[in-house]
Protein backbone atom coordinates (compact mmCIF):
# COMPACT_ATOMS: atom_id res chain seq x y z
CA MET A 1 11.02 43.45 33.74
CA ASN A 2 12.21 45.80 31.05
CA ASN A 3 11.38 45.78 27.36
CA LYS A 4 14.61 43.99 26.42
CA GLU A 5 13.83 41.06 28.74
CA LYS A 6 10.22 40.91 27.51
CA ARG A 7 11.42 40.90 23.92
CA GLY A 8 13.98 38.17 24.65
CA LYS A 9 11.34 36.04 26.40
CA GLN A 10 8.89 36.57 23.54
CA ILE A 11 11.51 35.52 20.96
CA LYS A 12 12.35 32.44 23.05
CA ASN A 13 8.66 31.46 23.22
CA GLU A 14 8.31 31.95 19.46
CA ASP A 15 11.36 29.75 18.88
CA ILE A 16 9.96 27.04 21.15
CA ASN A 17 6.57 27.20 19.40
CA ASN A 18 8.31 27.09 16.02
CA MET A 19 10.35 24.04 17.06
CA ASN A 20 7.25 22.31 18.41
CA LEU A 21 5.48 22.99 15.13
CA ARG A 22 8.42 21.60 13.17
CA ILE A 23 8.56 18.48 15.33
CA LYS A 24 4.82 18.01 14.90
CA ASN A 25 5.07 18.40 11.12
CA VAL A 26 8.01 16.02 10.84
CA SER A 27 6.31 13.38 12.96
CA LYS A 28 3.13 13.78 10.91
CA TRP A 29 5.14 13.45 7.70
CA LYS A 30 6.91 10.33 8.97
CA THR A 31 3.60 8.81 10.07
CA MET A 32 2.03 9.55 6.70
CA ARG A 33 5.03 8.10 4.91
CA TYR A 34 4.87 4.96 7.07
CA LEU A 35 1.15 4.56 6.39
CA ASP A 36 1.75 5.04 2.67
CA LYS A 37 4.40 2.32 2.79
CA VAL A 38 2.03 -0.03 4.63
CA GLU A 39 -0.69 0.65 2.07
CA GLU A 40 1.78 0.16 -0.78
CA ASN A 41 2.83 -3.22 0.65
CA ALA A 42 -0.81 -4.26 1.05
CA ASN A 43 -1.51 -3.30 -2.57
CA LYS A 44 1.56 -5.23 -3.70
CA ARG A 45 0.42 -8.35 -1.82
CA ARG A 46 -3.10 -7.98 -3.24
CA TYR A 47 -1.65 -7.66 -6.75
CA GLU A 48 0.58 -10.72 -6.30
CA ASP A 49 -2.33 -12.75 -4.90
CA SER A 50 -4.44 -11.70 -7.87
CA ILE A 51 -1.74 -12.84 -10.29
CA ILE A 52 -1.43 -16.21 -8.54
CA LYS A 53 -5.21 -16.72 -8.58
CA THR A 54 -5.35 -15.78 -12.26
CA LYS A 55 -2.57 -18.22 -13.13
CA GLU A 56 -4.31 -21.01 -11.21
CA TRP A 57 -7.61 -20.17 -12.89
CA LEU A 58 -5.99 -20.24 -16.35
CA LYS A 59 -4.28 -23.53 -15.57
CA HIS A 60 -7.57 -25.01 -14.36
CA LEU A 61 -9.39 -23.63 -17.41
CA LYS A 62 -6.76 -25.10 -19.72
CA PHE A 63 -7.17 -28.54 -18.15
CA GLU A 64 -10.94 -28.30 -18.46
CA LYS A 65 -10.66 -27.43 -22.15
CA LEU A 66 -8.28 -30.33 -22.73
CA ALA A 67 -10.58 -32.70 -20.86
CA ASN A 68 -13.63 -31.51 -22.79
CA ARG A 69 -11.76 -31.74 -26.07
CA SER A 70 -10.70 -35.33 -25.42
CA TYR A 71 -14.21 -36.20 -24.25
CA ASP A 72 -15.68 -34.66 -27.42
CA ASN A 73 -13.20 -36.59 -29.56
CA GLN A 74 -14.19 -39.84 -27.86
CA SER A 75 -17.89 -39.19 -28.30
CA GLU A 76 -17.35 -38.44 -32.00
CA ALA A 77 -15.38 -41.66 -32.37
CA TRP A 78 -18.27 -43.68 -30.95
CA GLU A 79 -20.77 -42.25 -33.43
């Protein structure tokens, strides 16, 4: 094997290694992006659930205040 063939083989191996590295980096990037999207969706669902729970809590609290207010008005009327 002469120097030209060795050099050509070495360049080919470097190209293959470079391509493998690029494929690895792209797949890692896509995986990270996918995981970020999954996490983003989970955070969005958690946020929406929190809003729903808060609205229900406020509605329940409002009804309690109205019930207590009417009960207080009735007790004052009896006195």
